[in-house]
N, C-alpha and C. Protein backbone atom coordinates (compact mmCIF):
# COMPACT_ATOMS: atom_id res chain seq x y z
N MET A 1 115.64 151.35 102.87
CA MET A 1 115.86 152.74 102.48
C MET A 1 117.15 153.24 103.13
N MET A 2 118.04 153.76 102.33
CA MET A 2 119.31 154.22 102.86
C MET A 2 119.18 155.67 103.30
N GLY A 3 120.26 156.17 103.89
CA GLY A 3 120.25 157.55 104.36
C GLY A 3 120.27 157.58 105.87
N THR A 4 120.44 158.77 106.38
CA THR A 4 120.54 158.94 107.82
C THR A 4 119.16 158.91 108.43
N PRO A 5 118.96 158.09 109.47
CA PRO A 5 117.66 158.14 110.12
C PRO A 5 117.44 159.50 110.76
N GLU A 6 116.21 159.92 110.74
CA GLU A 6 115.88 161.24 111.29
C GLU A 6 114.84 161.07 112.37
N LEU A 7 114.92 161.95 113.35
CA LEU A 7 113.92 162.00 114.39
C LEU A 7 113.27 163.38 114.30
N LYS A 8 112.01 163.40 113.91
CA LYS A 8 111.30 164.67 113.78
C LYS A 8 110.45 164.88 115.02
N ILE A 9 110.62 166.03 115.65
CA ILE A 9 109.81 166.38 116.81
C ILE A 9 109.37 167.83 116.67
N ILE A 10 108.42 168.21 117.50
CA ILE A 10 107.94 169.60 117.52
C ILE A 10 108.21 170.17 118.90
N LEU A 11 108.80 171.35 118.91
CA LEU A 11 108.97 172.10 120.16
C LEU A 11 108.00 173.26 120.15
N GLU A 12 107.36 173.49 121.28
CA GLU A 12 106.49 174.65 121.40
C GLU A 12 106.81 175.37 122.71
N PHE A 13 106.63 176.68 122.66
CA PHE A 13 106.94 177.53 123.81
C PHE A 13 105.76 178.46 124.04
N SER A 14 105.36 178.63 125.31
CA SER A 14 104.28 179.57 125.55
C SER A 14 104.44 180.26 126.88
N ALA A 15 103.59 181.26 127.10
CA ALA A 15 103.52 182.03 128.35
C ALA A 15 104.82 182.76 128.65
N GLY A 16 105.55 183.11 127.60
CA GLY A 16 106.79 183.87 127.78
C GLY A 16 108.04 183.06 127.54
N ALA A 17 107.95 181.73 127.56
CA ALA A 17 109.14 180.91 127.31
C ALA A 17 109.71 181.19 125.92
N GLU A 18 108.81 181.52 124.97
CA GLU A 18 109.27 181.77 123.60
C GLU A 18 110.20 182.98 123.50
N LEU A 19 110.10 183.90 124.47
CA LEU A 19 110.95 185.10 124.42
C LEU A 19 112.43 184.74 124.53
N LEU A 20 112.72 183.60 125.12
CA LEU A 20 114.11 183.17 125.28
C LEU A 20 114.63 182.46 124.03
N PHE A 21 113.71 182.20 123.09
CA PHE A 21 114.06 181.42 121.90
C PHE A 21 113.73 182.21 120.64
N GLY A 22 114.09 183.47 120.62
CA GLY A 22 113.90 184.28 119.43
C GLY A 22 112.44 184.58 119.13
N ASN A 23 111.59 184.47 120.16
CA ASN A 23 110.16 184.77 120.03
C ASN A 23 109.47 183.88 118.99
N ILE A 24 109.98 182.68 118.84
CA ILE A 24 109.36 181.70 117.93
C ILE A 24 108.63 180.69 118.80
N LYS A 25 107.31 180.59 118.58
CA LYS A 25 106.49 179.76 119.47
C LYS A 25 106.49 178.29 119.08
N ARG A 26 106.80 177.99 117.84
CA ARG A 26 106.73 176.59 117.40
C ARG A 26 107.88 176.31 116.45
N ARG A 27 108.58 175.23 116.70
CA ARG A 27 109.68 174.82 115.83
C ARG A 27 109.53 173.35 115.52
N GLU A 28 109.70 172.99 114.27
CA GLU A 28 109.75 171.59 113.89
C GLU A 28 111.22 171.24 113.74
N LEU A 29 111.68 170.28 114.52
CA LEU A 29 113.08 169.91 114.50
C LEU A 29 113.26 168.57 113.81
N THR A 30 114.36 168.45 113.10
CA THR A 30 114.79 167.16 112.58
C THR A 30 116.15 166.87 113.20
N LEU A 31 116.17 165.87 114.07
CA LEU A 31 117.39 165.53 114.79
C LEU A 31 118.01 164.27 114.19
N ASP A 32 119.27 164.06 114.49
CA ASP A 32 120.00 162.89 113.99
C ASP A 32 119.44 161.63 114.64
N GLY A 33 118.84 160.77 113.84
CA GLY A 33 118.22 159.57 114.37
C GLY A 33 119.19 158.46 114.72
N ASN A 34 120.49 158.67 114.47
CA ASN A 34 121.47 157.66 114.83
C ASN A 34 121.76 157.64 116.32
N GLN A 35 121.40 158.70 117.02
CA GLN A 35 121.67 158.71 118.44
C GLN A 35 120.37 158.68 119.21
N LYS A 36 120.47 158.24 120.45
CA LYS A 36 119.31 158.22 121.33
C LYS A 36 119.11 159.63 121.86
N TRP A 37 117.93 160.16 121.70
CA TRP A 37 117.65 161.52 122.17
C TRP A 37 116.77 161.44 123.41
N THR A 38 117.31 161.93 124.51
CA THR A 38 116.52 162.08 125.72
C THR A 38 116.23 163.56 125.90
N ILE A 39 115.37 163.87 126.84
CA ILE A 39 115.12 165.28 127.14
C ILE A 39 116.42 165.95 127.59
N ALA A 40 117.26 165.23 128.33
CA ALA A 40 118.54 165.79 128.77
C ALA A 40 119.37 166.23 127.56
N ASN A 41 119.48 165.35 126.55
CA ASN A 41 120.24 165.69 125.33
C ASN A 41 119.58 166.85 124.60
N LEU A 42 118.25 166.83 124.55
CA LEU A 42 117.52 167.89 123.85
C LEU A 42 117.79 169.25 124.49
N LEU A 43 117.79 169.31 125.81
CA LEU A 43 118.04 170.59 126.49
C LEU A 43 119.43 171.11 126.16
N LYS A 44 120.42 170.21 126.11
CA LYS A 44 121.78 170.64 125.75
C LYS A 44 121.80 171.17 124.31
N TRP A 45 121.10 170.47 123.41
CA TRP A 45 121.04 170.90 122.02
C TRP A 45 120.36 172.28 121.92
N MET A 46 119.26 172.44 122.65
CA MET A 46 118.55 173.72 122.62
C MET A 46 119.44 174.85 123.11
N HIS A 47 120.18 174.59 124.19
CA HIS A 47 121.06 175.61 124.75
C HIS A 47 122.12 176.01 123.73
N ALA A 48 122.66 175.02 123.03
CA ALA A 48 123.73 175.28 122.07
C ALA A 48 123.23 175.94 120.79
N ASN A 49 121.98 175.65 120.40
CA ASN A 49 121.54 176.02 119.06
C ASN A 49 120.44 177.06 118.96
N ILE A 50 119.52 177.09 119.91
CA ILE A 50 118.37 177.98 119.70
C ILE A 50 118.05 178.90 120.88
N LEU A 51 118.69 178.68 122.02
CA LEU A 51 118.41 179.54 123.18
C LEU A 51 119.16 180.85 122.99
N THR A 52 118.40 181.94 122.81
CA THR A 52 119.04 183.20 122.43
C THR A 52 119.16 184.19 123.58
N GLU A 53 118.30 184.10 124.56
CA GLU A 53 118.29 185.10 125.63
C GLU A 53 118.43 184.44 126.99
N ARG A 54 119.24 184.99 127.84
CA ARG A 54 119.25 184.70 129.27
C ARG A 54 119.00 183.24 129.61
N PRO A 55 119.98 182.39 129.31
CA PRO A 55 119.79 180.96 129.56
C PRO A 55 119.44 180.63 131.00
N GLU A 56 119.85 181.51 131.94
CA GLU A 56 119.54 181.22 133.35
C GLU A 56 118.05 181.28 133.64
N LEU A 57 117.27 181.88 132.74
CA LEU A 57 115.82 181.90 132.93
C LEU A 57 115.16 180.61 132.44
N PHE A 58 115.93 179.79 131.75
CA PHE A 58 115.37 178.55 131.21
C PHE A 58 116.02 177.32 131.85
N LEU A 59 117.33 177.38 132.01
CA LEU A 59 118.07 176.23 132.50
C LEU A 59 118.68 176.50 133.87
N GLN A 60 118.72 175.43 134.66
CA GLN A 60 119.42 175.48 135.94
C GLN A 60 120.22 174.20 136.02
N GLU A 61 121.53 174.32 135.96
CA GLU A 61 122.41 173.17 135.82
C GLU A 61 121.99 172.39 134.57
N ASP A 62 121.63 171.11 134.70
CA ASP A 62 121.35 170.33 133.50
C ASP A 62 119.86 170.16 133.20
N THR A 63 119.02 170.90 133.92
CA THR A 63 117.59 170.72 133.72
C THR A 63 116.91 172.08 133.56
N VAL A 64 115.62 172.06 133.29
CA VAL A 64 114.90 173.33 133.23
C VAL A 64 114.75 173.85 134.64
N ARG A 65 114.75 175.16 134.77
CA ARG A 65 114.66 175.73 136.11
C ARG A 65 113.24 175.59 136.65
N PRO A 66 113.10 175.64 137.97
CA PRO A 66 111.75 175.61 138.53
C PRO A 66 110.93 176.75 137.95
N GLY A 67 109.69 176.49 137.64
CA GLY A 67 108.85 177.51 137.02
C GLY A 67 108.66 177.31 135.54
N ILE A 68 109.41 176.37 134.94
CA ILE A 68 109.17 176.00 133.56
C ILE A 68 108.47 174.64 133.57
N LEU A 69 107.26 174.61 133.05
CA LEU A 69 106.53 173.35 132.94
C LEU A 69 106.89 172.70 131.61
N VAL A 70 107.06 171.39 131.63
CA VAL A 70 107.38 170.65 130.42
C VAL A 70 106.29 169.61 130.20
N LEU A 71 105.65 169.69 129.05
CA LEU A 71 104.63 168.70 128.68
C LEU A 71 105.10 167.98 127.42
N ILE A 72 105.03 166.67 127.45
CA ILE A 72 105.38 165.86 126.28
C ILE A 72 104.09 165.20 125.81
N ASN A 73 103.64 165.59 124.62
CA ASN A 73 102.36 165.10 124.10
C ASN A 73 101.24 165.30 125.13
N ASP A 74 101.23 166.49 125.73
CA ASP A 74 100.21 166.91 126.69
C ASP A 74 100.27 166.17 128.02
N THR A 75 101.36 165.47 128.29
CA THR A 75 101.53 164.78 129.57
C THR A 75 102.69 165.41 130.33
N ASP A 76 102.50 165.66 131.61
CA ASP A 76 103.55 166.23 132.45
C ASP A 76 104.79 165.33 132.38
N TRP A 77 105.92 165.92 132.11
CA TRP A 77 107.15 165.13 131.94
C TRP A 77 107.53 164.39 133.21
N GLU A 78 107.03 164.86 134.37
CA GLU A 78 107.35 164.18 135.63
C GLU A 78 106.79 162.76 135.63
N LEU A 79 105.73 162.53 134.86
CA LEU A 79 105.14 161.20 134.77
C LEU A 79 105.88 160.32 133.77
N LEU A 80 106.77 160.92 133.00
CA LEU A 80 107.43 160.21 131.89
C LEU A 80 108.92 159.99 132.13
N GLY A 81 109.40 160.38 133.30
CA GLY A 81 110.81 160.17 133.58
C GLY A 81 111.68 161.39 133.42
N GLU A 82 111.07 162.55 133.20
CA GLU A 82 111.80 163.83 133.10
C GLU A 82 112.97 163.73 132.12
N LEU A 83 114.19 163.99 132.60
CA LEU A 83 115.36 164.08 131.71
C LEU A 83 115.65 162.77 130.99
N ASP A 84 115.22 161.65 131.58
CA ASP A 84 115.53 160.34 130.98
C ASP A 84 114.55 159.93 129.89
N TYR A 85 113.48 160.70 129.72
CA TYR A 85 112.49 160.34 128.70
C TYR A 85 113.15 160.30 127.33
N GLU A 86 112.92 159.22 126.60
CA GLU A 86 113.51 159.09 125.27
C GLU A 86 112.52 159.58 124.22
N LEU A 87 112.94 160.56 123.45
CA LEU A 87 112.06 161.16 122.44
C LEU A 87 111.70 160.15 121.37
N GLN A 88 110.45 160.23 120.94
CA GLN A 88 109.91 159.36 119.90
C GLN A 88 109.54 160.22 118.69
N PRO A 89 109.48 159.61 117.51
CA PRO A 89 109.10 160.40 116.33
C PRO A 89 107.76 161.11 116.55
N ASN A 90 107.72 162.36 116.13
CA ASN A 90 106.52 163.20 116.18
C ASN A 90 106.10 163.60 117.58
N ASP A 91 106.99 163.43 118.55
CA ASP A 91 106.68 163.94 119.89
C ASP A 91 106.51 165.45 119.83
N ASN A 92 105.62 165.94 120.68
CA ASN A 92 105.43 167.38 120.84
C ASN A 92 105.88 167.73 122.25
N VAL A 93 106.90 168.59 122.34
CA VAL A 93 107.44 168.99 123.64
C VAL A 93 107.10 170.46 123.84
N LEU A 94 106.32 170.73 124.87
CA LEU A 94 105.83 172.09 125.14
C LEU A 94 106.48 172.60 126.42
N PHE A 95 107.05 173.79 126.33
CA PHE A 95 107.64 174.46 127.49
C PHE A 95 106.77 175.66 127.83
N ILE A 96 106.29 175.70 129.07
CA ILE A 96 105.43 176.80 129.51
C ILE A 96 106.12 177.50 130.67
N SER A 97 106.30 178.79 130.55
CA SER A 97 106.89 179.55 131.65
C SER A 97 105.81 179.98 132.61
N THR A 98 106.04 179.72 133.91
CA THR A 98 105.14 180.25 134.93
C THR A 98 105.81 181.41 135.66
N LEU A 99 106.95 181.86 135.11
CA LEU A 99 107.70 182.96 135.72
C LEU A 99 107.24 184.26 135.11
N HIS A 100 106.88 185.21 135.95
CA HIS A 100 106.44 186.48 135.40
C HIS A 100 107.12 187.61 136.16
N GLY A 101 107.21 188.72 135.52
CA GLY A 101 107.88 189.86 136.13
C GLY A 101 109.36 189.76 135.87
N GLY A 102 110.15 190.51 136.60
CA GLY A 102 111.57 190.43 136.34
C GLY A 102 112.19 191.73 136.72
């Protein structure tokens, strides 16, 4: 089958994290399957394309800031290699904010 390979994943945001992303709690993404997508690459893509409010509340340098939990298919990303985790088709990446107040 010809055509560009695609990597389809789902992003979800909860507990306030969605407020930084246009208040959209769930997004189905189709990424370019010709490149290797890690969480590090995904965060850069999110910052460039869908992060709408106060990036400092989500990102700190090249990673998510402390207080943002990241679950990949319901598993803590710390068990999966964090930024080095390579996204697989149909992965579900959930960002949960534990930051409240402001």
